């Protein structure tokens, strides 16, 4: 199904996650994955989604057949990717060109050689025949009613080697009817000033409508894309989260955010920019890669503030240390609590957590000192919001939030003669006036302790049945005692609707894990609205 775009045709946002992005090491997309990503991209509002190379492999052929039946595109048009006809043939009789038409996409992107050495060494044909291949294929597809974009592969390197021939490729494609001629920095070696100069010259000398496709090998793909726009390009090719071959492509999200928020160009349908963080993370989940926490605009750390000086300024005006309002891209500001924290950091964090500190300078001062004291011992609260909230509430209320009191615990690992292992834990605790002794086995001593604590408490606190431990990290902190060094454990827990992190520090990993588990369970009960025992 073909979408009717809410935007005019003066500027294109073209996504190639499903083709170029899928070439990233570690990404292997199924047809179902590709369909899911296409839905997310259409929901975001990009104008074009390049789905792959139909006819080149069965997966892409199946994707095009299913996408047009199963996805009701609201914003995007589906694009098929292929190459110009073979040397010495005609476009009308080339089976690869026929496969592009059979895919049913109304927009086709053709890759064409624009570097003279690639023509002679890779295609093994003449420079004139390469131009004929481009002109013939473009004009034939236009006759068949298709919109055609041309990707000029290795354009910038080709322009440096033979500028006149590179420009002749652009002219040939444009005169044959190509809607956009895309200049590709295939090796990713260009810098912004170079890109801007070349695009401006080619635009002036050919009059063609130009686009840009930038790889990120110099770390400049986003900057190169925007430099091309500055020079007159009106079509940008990007991938979600910058996925792509080698180090990746121009990242769709910072490019789009810059165009809308910095350039004032409406390149997405109204209101879709606010979905950007959600879309970025959803696509990362589909490709099974952890979202980058420090990615511009959409990373969870993109608007996170740690230094006390920053917090003091943000308390007065958030714009003093933020280049945009994070809500514009669907993100949020976060205050990180650490030994760098000042009073403003604690007050803002309390407000973020819904705890009114009431301007109590003495209370805030105690919390600041408590945080610094514990971080000196190895705790980290910027990565353990739940543990910090428990600490803050304990200071504010003058006593810990106690749901149970532990009498003792132990974990035993038995190494058996046959090479197998047995892990068992026992916990003795008091909850709601009842003494409970519980024992359980687990896959490792920490898992055994987790299961034992659950066995002990679930009858009294059935809310704990929803809790699952989803991540577990151990770090040996700097020390001079080898295996006796201090250990820090971070645990992430979920109740199915949210996720939180807790921290424990001790001179051994089991004791540190137990601390983090206690906080995880206490915070889970707090989230569930359970009143503390005392």
Protein backbone atom coordinates (compact mmCIF):
# COMPACT_ATOMS: atom_id res chain seq x y z
CA UNK A 1 0.00 0.00 0.00
CA UNK A 2 1.46 3.37 -1.00
CA UNK A 3 1.39 6.22 1.48
CA UNK A 4 0.28 9.75 0.75
CA UNK A 5 2.85 11.99 2.39
CA UNK A 6 1.70 14.97 4.48
CA UNK A 7 4.89 16.76 3.38
CA UNK A 8 5.72 18.37 0.06
CA UNK A 9 8.41 16.95 -2.21
CA UNK A 10 10.94 19.71 -1.64
CA UNK A 11 12.98 17.74 0.91
CA UNK A 12 13.37 13.98 1.38
CA UNK A 13 14.25 11.96 4.47
CA UNK A 14 15.29 8.59 3.07
CA UNK A 15 15.97 5.67 5.42
CA UNK A 16 18.15 2.72 4.40
CA UNK A 17 18.25 0.79 7.68
CA UNK A 18 16.76 -2.31 6.03
CA UNK A 19 19.48 -2.43 3.39
CA UNK A 20 22.62 -0.50 4.26
CA UNK A 21 22.01 -0.59 8.01
CA UNK A 22 21.53 -4.36 7.89
CA UNK A 23 25.15 -4.70 6.72
CA UNK A 24 26.38 -3.87 10.22
CA UNK A 25 28.35 -6.65 11.88
CA UNK A 26 26.09 -8.37 14.40
CA UNK A 27 22.80 -7.53 12.67
CA UNK A 28 20.98 -10.36 10.90
CA UNK A 29 17.39 -9.42 10.14
CA UNK A 30 14.60 -11.88 9.47
CA UNK A 31 11.66 -10.89 7.27
CA UNK A 32 9.61 -10.41 10.44
CA UNK A 33 12.33 -8.10 11.81
CA UNK A 34 12.31 -6.05 8.61
CA UNK A 35 8.54 -5.72 8.69
CA UNK A 36 8.67 -4.57 12.32
CA UNK A 37 11.36 -1.96 11.60
CA UNK A 38 9.47 -0.73 8.53
CA UNK A 39 6.40 -0.14 10.70
CA UNK A 40 8.46 1.83 13.22
CA UNK A 41 10.05 3.97 10.50
CA UNK A 42 6.68 4.67 8.90
CA UNK A 43 5.32 5.58 12.32
CA UNK A 44 8.23 8.01 12.75
CA UNK A 45 7.29 9.66 9.47
CA UNK A 46 10.26 9.26 7.14
CA UNK A 47 9.40 9.82 3.48
CA UNK A 48 11.16 6.77 2.01
CA UNK A 49 12.07 3.34 3.34
CA UNK A 50 14.59 1.37 1.29
CA UNK A 51 13.58 -2.23 1.89
CA UNK A 52 16.44 -4.12 0.26
CA UNK A 53 17.37 -5.68 -3.08
CA UNK A 54 14.50 -7.78 -4.45
CA UNK A 55 15.71 -10.57 -6.69
CA UNK A 56 19.17 -10.58 -5.10
CA UNK A 57 18.09 -12.81 -2.20
CA UNK A 58 14.85 -14.60 -1.24
CA UNK A 59 14.50 -12.71 2.05
CA UNK A 60 14.28 -9.30 0.38
CA UNK A 61 11.96 -10.62 -2.31
CA UNK A 62 9.63 -11.99 0.38
CA UNK A 63 9.85 -8.74 2.34
CA UNK A 64 8.56 -6.66 -0.58
CA UNK A 65 5.74 -9.10 -1.27
CA UNK A 66 4.62 -9.07 2.37
CA UNK A 67 5.25 -5.41 3.17
CA UNK A 68 2.88 -4.18 0.50
CA UNK A 69 0.15 -6.51 1.74
CA UNK A 70 0.69 -6.37 5.49
CA UNK A 71 1.75 -2.77 6.17
CA UNK A 72 -0.64 0.09 5.63
CA UNK A 73 2.00 2.75 5.09
CA UNK A 74 0.75 6.09 6.39
CA UNK A 75 3.77 8.29 5.72
CA UNK A 76 6.53 6.45 3.86
CA UNK A 77 6.95 5.09 0.37
CA UNK A 78 8.67 1.74 -0.04
CA UNK A 79 11.84 1.79 -2.15
CA UNK A 80 13.45 -1.13 -3.99
CA UNK A 81 17.23 -1.10 -4.42
CA UNK A 82 19.16 -2.51 -7.38
CA UNK A 83 21.83 -1.72 -9.93
CA UNK A 84 21.94 -0.39 -13.44
CA UNK A 85 21.76 -2.91 -16.27
CA UNK A 86 24.70 -5.07 -17.19
CA UNK A 87 27.26 -3.91 -19.75
CA UNK A 88 26.37 -4.86 -23.30
CA UNK A 89 22.69 -5.58 -22.56
CA UNK A 90 19.54 -3.47 -22.50
CA UNK A 91 17.55 -2.50 -19.43
CA UNK A 92 14.38 -4.00 -20.88
CA UNK A 93 15.93 -7.48 -21.05
CA UNK A 94 18.01 -7.39 -17.87
CA UNK A 95 16.56 -9.86 -15.31
CA UNK A 96 17.78 -7.82 -12.35
CA UNK A 97 15.94 -4.75 -13.64
CA UNK A 98 12.84 -6.89 -14.20
CA UNK A 99 13.03 -8.09 -10.57
CA UNK A 100 12.95 -4.46 -9.43
CA UNK A 101 9.74 -3.89 -11.37
CA UNK A 102 8.21 -7.15 -10.17
CA UNK A 103 8.77 -6.07 -6.54
CA UNK A 104 5.97 -3.57 -7.03
CA UNK A 105 7.64 -0.61 -5.33
CA UNK A 106 6.84 2.71 -6.98
CA UNK A 107 10.28 4.11 -6.12
CA UNK A 108 13.56 2.49 -7.20
CA UNK A 109 17.10 3.37 -6.16
CA UNK A 110 19.84 2.37 -8.61
CA UNK A 111 23.47 2.14 -7.60
CA UNK A 112 25.82 3.40 -10.32
CA UNK A 113 29.56 3.71 -10.63
CA UNK A 114 30.88 7.28 -10.64
CA UNK A 115 34.58 6.60 -10.02
CA UNK A 116 36.43 5.97 -13.29
CA UNK A 117 38.76 3.33 -11.80
CA UNK A 118 35.80 1.39 -10.41
CA UNK A 119 34.17 1.41 -13.84
CA UNK A 120 37.27 0.00 -15.51
CA UNK A 121 38.43 -2.38 -12.76
CA UNK A 122 35.18 -3.51 -11.08
CA UNK A 123 32.65 -3.32 -13.91
CA UNK A 124 35.32 -4.09 -16.51
CA UNK A 125 33.74 -1.86 -19.08
CA UNK A 126 34.38 1.51 -20.70
CA UNK A 127 33.54 4.88 -19.26
CA UNK A 128 31.11 5.53 -22.14
CA UNK A 129 29.35 2.20 -21.65
CA UNK A 130 28.88 2.97 -17.96
CA UNK A 131 27.10 6.21 -18.90
CA UNK A 132 24.96 4.27 -21.36
CA UNK A 133 24.05 1.74 -18.65
CA UNK A 134 22.92 4.58 -16.38
CA UNK A 135 20.94 6.46 -19.00
CA UNK A 136 19.26 3.35 -20.40
CA UNK A 137 18.22 1.97 -17.01
CA UNK A 138 16.89 5.26 -15.67
CA UNK A 139 14.90 6.08 -18.80
CA UNK A 140 13.45 2.55 -19.00
CA UNK A 141 12.27 2.58 -15.38
CA UNK A 142 10.79 6.04 -15.85
CA UNK A 143 8.88 4.73 -18.86
CA UNK A 144 7.47 2.04 -16.59
CA UNK A 145 6.08 4.73 -14.29
CA UNK A 146 8.64 4.45 -11.52
CA UNK A 147 10.29 7.21 -9.57
CA UNK A 148 14.08 6.76 -9.77
CA UNK A 149 16.88 7.80 -7.43
CA UNK A 150 20.51 7.20 -8.43
CA UNK A 151 23.18 6.42 -5.82
CA UNK A 152 26.53 7.50 -7.26
CA UNK A 153 28.83 5.07 -5.52
CA UNK A 154 32.29 6.34 -4.45
CA UNK A 155 31.32 9.76 -5.81
CA UNK A 156 33.61 11.93 -3.70
CA UNK A 157 36.67 9.76 -4.31
CA UNK A 158 35.76 9.62 -7.98
CA UNK A 159 35.34 13.38 -8.10
CA UNK A 160 38.79 13.86 -6.62
CA UNK A 161 40.32 11.51 -9.22
CA UNK A 162 38.36 12.66 -12.28
CA UNK A 163 35.89 15.47 -11.57
CA UNK A 164 34.65 15.81 -15.15
CA UNK A 165 33.72 12.15 -15.42
CA UNK A 166 32.03 12.16 -12.01
CA UNK A 167 29.94 15.14 -13.08
CA UNK A 168 29.10 13.46 -16.38
CA UNK A 169 27.56 10.60 -14.40
CA UNK A 170 25.36 13.10 -12.55
CA UNK A 171 24.33 14.83 -15.80
CA UNK A 172 23.56 11.56 -17.55
CA UNK A 173 21.33 10.35 -14.73
CA UNK A 174 19.53 13.67 -14.38
CA UNK A 175 18.95 14.09 -18.12
CA UNK A 176 17.59 10.55 -18.33
CA UNK A 177 14.95 11.50 -15.79
CA UNK A 178 16.38 10.57 -12.37
CA UNK A 179 14.42 12.41 -9.70
CA UNK A 180 17.41 12.68 -7.37
CA UNK A 181 21.11 12.00 -7.89
CA UNK A 182 22.68 10.98 -4.59
CA UNK A 183 26.37 11.67 -4.00
CA UNK A 184 27.78 8.82 -1.90
CA UNK A 185 30.79 8.99 0.39
CA UNK A 186 31.06 5.22 0.18
CA UNK A 187 34.42 4.94 1.95
CA UNK A 188 33.41 7.48 4.57
CA UNK A 189 36.64 9.43 4.32
CA UNK A 190 35.34 12.93 3.66
CA UNK A 191 35.18 15.92 6.00
CA UNK A 192 32.39 18.53 6.17
CA UNK A 193 34.19 21.36 4.40
CA UNK A 194 35.15 19.02 1.55
CA UNK A 195 31.60 17.72 1.19
CA UNK A 196 30.12 21.19 1.18
CA UNK A 197 32.54 22.42 -1.51
CA UNK A 198 31.98 19.42 -3.81
CA UNK A 199 28.20 19.44 -3.49
CA UNK A 200 28.03 23.18 -4.18
CA UNK A 201 30.23 22.82 -7.29
CA UNK A 202 28.35 19.80 -8.68
CA UNK A 203 25.01 21.50 -8.10
CA UNK A 204 26.16 24.62 -9.91
CA UNK A 205 27.73 22.72 -12.81
CA UNK A 206 24.97 20.15 -13.43
CA UNK A 207 21.72 21.66 -12.19
CA UNK A 208 20.65 18.21 -10.97
CA UNK A 209 18.67 17.66 -7.80
CA UNK A 210 21.23 16.24 -5.34
CA UNK A 211 21.13 14.01 -2.31
CA UNK A 212 23.78 12.83 0.16
CA UNK A 213 24.70 9.39 1.51
CA UNK A 214 27.48 9.52 4.10
CA UNK A 215 29.34 6.71 5.83
CA UNK A 216 30.80 7.44 9.27
CA UNK A 217 34.42 6.25 8.98
CA UNK A 218 35.78 9.65 10.04
CA UNK A 219 33.04 10.13 12.63
CA UNK A 220 31.62 12.91 10.45
CA UNK A 221 28.63 11.29 8.73
CA UNK A 222 26.02 13.47 10.43
CA UNK A 223 28.15 16.61 9.98
CA UNK A 224 28.83 15.69 6.34
CA UNK A 225 25.12 15.19 5.73
CA UNK A 226 24.28 18.60 7.16
CA UNK A 227 27.17 20.18 5.21
CA UNK A 228 25.65 18.78 2.02
CA UNK A 229 22.30 20.29 2.98
CA UNK A 230 24.04 23.63 3.53
CA UNK A 231 25.40 23.34 -0.02
CA UNK A 232 21.98 22.63 -1.54
CA UNK A 233 21.27 18.89 -1.19
CA UNK A 234 17.55 18.24 -0.64
CA UNK A 235 17.60 14.48 -0.03
CA UNK A 236 19.36 12.84 2.95
CA UNK A 237 19.99 9.10 3.27
CA UNK A 238 20.40 7.79 6.82
CA UNK A 239 19.98 4.72 8.99
CA UNK A 240 18.32 4.32 12.38
CA UNK A 241 20.87 4.68 15.19
CA UNK A 242 23.63 4.99 12.56
CA UNK A 243 23.67 1.24 11.82
CA UNK A 244 25.69 0.22 8.79
CA UNK A 245 28.77 -1.41 7.38
CA UNK A 246 32.10 -0.91 9.20
CA UNK A 247 31.43 1.93 11.67
CA UNK A 248 28.05 2.83 10.22
CA UNK A 249 26.10 5.47 8.33
CA UNK A 250 24.73 8.93 9.05
CA UNK A 251 22.43 8.52 12.04
CA UNK A 252 18.82 9.23 11.11
CA UNK A 253 17.84 10.68 14.48
CA UNK A 254 20.39 13.49 14.99
CA UNK A 255 20.08 14.39 11.30
CA UNK A 256 16.30 14.73 11.51
CA UNK A 257 16.45 16.53 14.86
CA UNK A 258 18.98 19.02 13.48
CA UNK A 259 16.90 19.65 10.38
CA UNK A 260 13.72 20.26 12.37
CA UNK A 261 15.08 22.00 15.47
CA UNK A 262 18.18 23.77 14.17
CA UNK A 263 17.33 24.41 10.50
CA UNK A 264 13.61 24.91 10.96
CA UNK A 265 12.75 22.46 8.17
CA UNK A 266 9.54 20.44 8.53
CA UNK A 267 10.83 17.05 7.40
CA UNK A 268 8.46 14.89 9.48
CA UNK A 269 4.68 15.01 9.87
CA UNK A 270 3.47 17.19 12.71
CA UNK A 271 4.19 15.77 16.15
CA UNK A 272 6.32 12.83 15.04
CA UNK A 273 9.61 14.24 16.35
CA UNK A 274 8.36 13.62 19.90
CA UNK A 275 8.31 9.91 19.08
CA UNK A 276 12.00 9.83 18.18
CA UNK A 277 13.42 8.41 21.41
CA UNK A 278 10.79 5.68 21.52
CA UNK A 279 11.36 4.74 17.87
CA UNK A 280 15.15 4.65 18.32
CA UNK A 281 14.91 2.29 21.28
CA UNK A 282 12.23 0.13 19.65
CA UNK A 283 14.40 -0.46 16.58
CA UNK A 284 17.39 -1.26 18.80
CA UNK A 285 15.27 -3.92 20.47
CA UNK A 286 14.33 -5.47 17.11
CA UNK A 287 17.95 -5.73 15.96
CA UNK A 288 18.91 -6.99 19.43
CA UNK A 289 21.53 -4.33 20.14
CA UNK A 290 21.64 -2.38 23.39
CA UNK A 291 20.69 1.27 22.73
CA UNK A 292 23.65 3.62 23.05
CA UNK A 293 23.20 5.51 26.29
CA UNK A 294 25.19 8.48 24.99
CA UNK A 295 23.58 8.83 21.57
CA UNK A 296 22.66 12.47 20.83
CA UNK A 297 19.02 13.42 21.47
CA UNK A 298 17.73 9.89 22.20
CA UNK A 299 20.29 8.36 24.59
CA UNK A 300 19.24 8.00 28.22
CA UNK A 301 22.28 10.14 29.12
CA UNK A 302 21.63 12.81 26.48
CA UNK A 303 20.02 15.11 29.06
CA UNK A 304 21.56 13.67 32.24
CA UNK A 305 23.32 16.08 34.59
CA UNK A 306 25.80 15.10 37.26
CA UNK A 307 27.94 18.05 38.36
CA UNK A 308 26.65 20.18 41.19
CA UNK A 309 27.44 23.36 39.23
CA UNK A 310 25.19 22.20 36.38
CA UNK A 311 22.40 21.33 38.81
CA UNK A 312 22.53 24.78 40.42
CA UNK A 313 22.14 26.41 37.02
CA UNK A 314 19.41 24.02 35.86
CA UNK A 315 17.45 24.74 39.01
CA UNK A 316 17.27 28.35 37.84
CA UNK A 317 16.70 27.59 34.14
CA UNK A 318 17.12 24.17 32.41
CA UNK A 319 18.13 25.90 29.17
CA UNK A 320 21.38 27.02 30.76
CA UNK A 321 22.86 23.51 30.30
CA UNK A 322 20.57 21.98 27.64
CA UNK A 323 20.55 22.86 23.95
CA UNK A 324 16.89 21.84 23.53
CA UNK A 325 13.93 20.83 25.67
CA UNK A 326 14.30 17.00 25.81
CA UNK A 327 10.52 16.60 25.49
CA UNK A 328 10.81 17.82 21.91
CA UNK A 329 12.41 14.50 21.00
CA UNK A 330 10.54 12.35 23.50
CA UNK A 331 13.37 12.22 26.03
CA UNK A 332 13.60 13.43 29.62
CA UNK A 333 16.04 15.34 31.77
CA UNK A 334 17.68 13.26 34.50
CA UNK A 335 19.63 14.31 37.54
CA UNK A 336 22.45 11.97 38.51
CA UNK A 337 23.39 11.74 42.14
CA UNK A 338 27.06 11.14 42.89
CA UNK A 339 29.87 12.44 45.06
CA UNK A 340 29.85 15.49 42.78
CA UNK A 341 26.31 16.26 43.97
CA UNK A 342 25.52 19.57 45.59
CA UNK A 343 22.35 20.75 47.27
CA UNK A 344 20.71 21.66 43.96
CA UNK A 345 21.32 18.15 42.58
CA UNK A 346 19.61 16.55 45.58
CA UNK A 347 16.67 18.97 45.50
CA UNK A 348 16.12 18.41 41.78
CA UNK A 349 16.47 14.65 42.12
CA UNK A 350 13.98 14.68 44.97
CA UNK A 351 11.54 16.62 42.81
CA UNK A 352 12.10 14.14 39.94
CA UNK A 353 11.27 11.27 42.34
CA UNK A 354 8.21 13.04 43.72
CA UNK A 355 9.75 13.71 47.14
CA UNK A 356 9.18 17.22 48.48
CA UNK A 357 12.22 18.23 50.50
CA UNK A 358 10.42 21.42 51.49
CA UNK A 359 13.50 23.60 51.30
CA UNK A 360 14.91 21.79 54.34
CA UNK A 361 18.55 22.80 54.07
CA UNK A 362 19.59 20.59 56.99
CA UNK A 363 17.97 17.52 55.41
CA UNK A 364 19.47 18.24 52.02
CA UNK A 365 22.87 18.72 53.60
CA UNK A 366 22.61 15.36 55.39
CA UNK A 367 21.72 13.61 52.14
CA UNK A 368 24.63 15.23 50.31
CA UNK A 369 27.07 14.12 53.00
CA UNK A 370 25.54 10.64 53.14
CA UNK A 371 25.93 10.21 49.38
CA UNK A 372 29.54 11.40 49.42
CA UNK A 373 30.36 9.15 52.37
CA UNK A 374 28.89 6.05 50.73
CA UNK A 375 30.35 6.74 47.29
CA UNK A 376 33.75 6.98 48.94
CA UNK A 377 33.19 3.38 50.02
CA UNK A 378 32.34 2.32 46.45
CA UNK A 379 28.59 2.85 46.09
CA UNK A 380 27.34 4.54 42.93
CA UNK A 381 23.95 6.21 42.91
CA UNK A 382 23.94 7.63 39.40
CA UNK A 383 23.42 4.04 38.20
CA UNK A 384 21.15 2.98 41.06
CA UNK A 385 18.20 5.36 41.33
CA UNK A 386 16.19 2.92 43.45
CA UNK A 387 18.87 2.62 46.12
CA UNK A 388 19.19 6.40 46.18
CA UNK A 389 15.45 6.86 46.61
CA UNK A 390 15.46 4.45 49.55
CA UNK A 391 18.35 6.41 51.09
CA UNK A 392 16.61 9.74 50.49
CA UNK A 393 13.31 8.55 51.98
CA UNK A 394 15.12 7.12 55.01
CA UNK A 395 16.81 10.46 55.68
CA UNK A 396 13.58 12.40 55.07
CA UNK A 397 11.55 10.18 57.42
CA UNK A 398 14.30 9.70 60.00
CA UNK A 399 14.28 5.90 59.69
CA UNK A 400 14.77 3.24 56.99
CA UNK A 401 11.79 1.90 55.03
CA UNK A 402 11.65 -1.52 56.64
CA UNK A 403 9.52 -4.30 55.17
CA UNK A 404 11.50 -7.12 56.78
CA UNK A 405 14.41 -7.58 59.15
CA UNK A 406 17.09 -10.11 58.33
CA UNK A 407 18.36 -12.22 61.18
CA UNK A 408 20.96 -14.08 59.08
CA UNK A 409 21.61 -15.53 55.66
CA UNK A 410 24.09 -17.92 54.14
CA UNK A 411 24.90 -19.30 50.71
CA UNK A 412 26.68 -22.61 50.11
CA UNK A 413 28.31 -23.83 46.91
CA UNK A 414 29.12 -27.53 46.84
CA UNK A 415 31.64 -28.86 44.33
CA UNK A 416 30.83 -32.51 43.72
CA UNK A 417 33.23 -35.28 42.57
CA UNK A 418 31.42 -35.65 39.24
CA UNK A 419 32.17 -32.02 38.36
CA UNK A 420 28.66 -30.73 39.03
CA UNK A 421 27.80 -27.99 41.51
CA UNK A 422 25.01 -27.44 43.99
CA UNK A 423 24.07 -23.98 45.25
CA UNK A 424 21.84 -23.58 48.28
CA UNK A 425 20.88 -20.58 50.40
CA UNK A 426 19.14 -20.19 53.73
CA UNK A 427 17.57 -16.97 55.03
CA UNK A 428 16.21 -16.25 58.51
CA UNK A 429 14.15 -13.09 58.77
CA UNK A 430 11.23 -11.35 60.47
CA UNK A 431 8.29 -9.88 58.55
CA UNK A 432 5.08 -8.51 60.06
CA UNK A 433 5.93 -10.07 63.40
CA UNK A 434 6.54 -13.53 61.97
CA UNK A 435 9.87 -15.33 62.03
CA UNK A 436 10.52 -17.09 58.74
CA UNK A 437 13.23 -19.58 57.82
CA UNK A 438 13.50 -20.44 54.12
CA UNK A 439 15.86 -22.50 52.01
CA UNK A 440 16.13 -22.78 48.23
CA UNK A 441 18.51 -23.92 45.53
CA UNK A 442 19.57 -21.91 42.53
CA UNK A 443 21.81 -21.65 39.53
CA UNK A 444 24.68 -20.09 41.45
CA UNK A 445 24.80 -18.67 44.99
CA UNK A 446 23.25 -15.30 44.09
CA UNK A 447 20.34 -16.93 42.29
CA UNK A 448 19.88 -19.22 45.29
CA UNK A 449 19.70 -16.19 47.61
CA UNK A 450 17.23 -14.48 45.28
CA UNK A 451 14.98 -17.53 45.25
CA UNK A 452 15.25 -17.99 49.00
CA UNK A 453 14.27 -14.39 49.71
CA UNK A 454 11.31 -14.77 47.39
CA UNK A 455 10.24 -18.03 49.09
CA UNK A 456 10.48 -16.36 52.48
CA UNK A 457 8.47 -13.26 51.61
CA UNK A 458 5.94 -14.06 48.88
CA UNK A 459 3.25 -15.39 51.26
CA UNK A 460 3.37 -12.17 53.24
CA UNK A 461 4.00 -9.89 50.24
CA UNK A 462 2.35 -11.50 47.18
CA UNK A 463 3.33 -8.42 45.14
CA UNK A 464 6.85 -9.84 44.94
CA UNK A 465 5.67 -12.59 42.58
CA UNK A 466 5.80 -10.04 39.76
CA UNK A 467 9.47 -9.21 40.31
CA UNK A 468 12.16 -10.50 37.96
CA UNK A 469 15.89 -9.86 38.06
CA UNK A 470 16.81 -8.72 34.54
CA UNK A 471 20.46 -7.67 34.80
CA UNK A 472 23.39 -8.29 37.12
CA UNK A 473 26.75 -6.54 36.97
CA UNK A 474 29.84 -7.04 39.13
CA UNK A 475 32.82 -4.72 39.33
CA UNK A 476 35.96 -5.17 41.38
CA UNK A 477 36.88 -1.73 42.65
CA UNK A 478 40.42 -0.47 42.85
CA UNK A 479 42.30 -1.94 45.78
CA UNK A 480 45.56 -3.43 46.94
CA UNK A 481 44.37 -6.72 48.30
CA UNK A 482 43.77 -8.81 45.19
CA UNK A 483 40.83 -11.14 45.81
CA UNK A 484 40.07 -9.17 48.99
CA UNK A 485 39.36 -6.02 47.02
CA UNK A 486 35.99 -4.28 47.45
CA UNK A 487 33.23 -5.54 45.16
CA UNK A 488 30.31 -3.52 43.77
CA UNK A 489 27.17 -5.21 42.43
CA UNK A 490 24.43 -3.52 40.39
CA UNK A 491 21.12 -5.35 39.96
CA UNK A 492 18.28 -4.35 37.64
CA UNK A 493 14.79 -5.58 38.50
CA UNK A 494 11.40 -5.28 36.80
CA UNK A 495 7.79 -5.73 37.87
CA UNK A 496 6.58 -5.88 34.27
CA UNK A 497 5.71 -2.20 34.06
CA UNK A 498 8.98 -0.54 35.05
CA UNK A 499 12.61 -1.27 35.77
CA UNK A 500 14.91 -0.09 38.57
CA UNK A 501 18.50 -0.55 39.67
CA UNK A 502 20.00 -1.12 43.11
CA UNK A 503 23.57 -1.27 44.38
CA UNK A 504 25.50 -3.21 47.00
CA UNK A 505 29.12 -2.92 48.10
CA UNK A 506 31.07 -5.34 50.29
CA UNK A 507 34.36 -7.17 50.55
CA UNK A 508 32.90 -10.16 48.68
CA UNK A 509 30.52 -10.57 45.76
CA UNK A 510 27.87 -12.56 47.65
CA UNK A 511 27.50 -9.97 50.43
CA UNK A 512 27.37 -7.13 47.89
CA UNK A 513 24.73 -9.04 45.91
CA UNK A 514 22.65 -9.55 49.06
CA UNK A 515 22.61 -5.80 49.74
CA UNK A 516 21.47 -5.06 46.20
CA UNK A 517 18.77 -7.76 46.44
CA UNK A 518 17.43 -6.37 49.72
CA UNK A 519 17.11 -2.91 48.15
CA UNK A 520 15.52 -4.38 45.00
CA UNK A 521 12.80 -6.13 47.00
CA UNK A 522 12.19 -3.14 49.27
CA UNK A 523 11.86 -0.81 46.30
CA UNK A 524 9.54 -3.25 44.53
CA UNK A 525 7.22 -3.18 47.53
CA UNK A 526 7.42 0.61 47.67
CA UNK A 527 6.44 0.81 43.98
CA UNK A 528 3.54 -1.54 44.67
CA UNK A 529 2.19 0.85 47.31
CA UNK A 530 2.89 -1.43 50.27
CA UNK A 531 3.31 0.40 53.57
CA UNK A 532 6.54 -0.37 55.48
CA UNK A 533 6.27 -2.57 58.53
CA UNK A 534 7.43 0.28 60.73
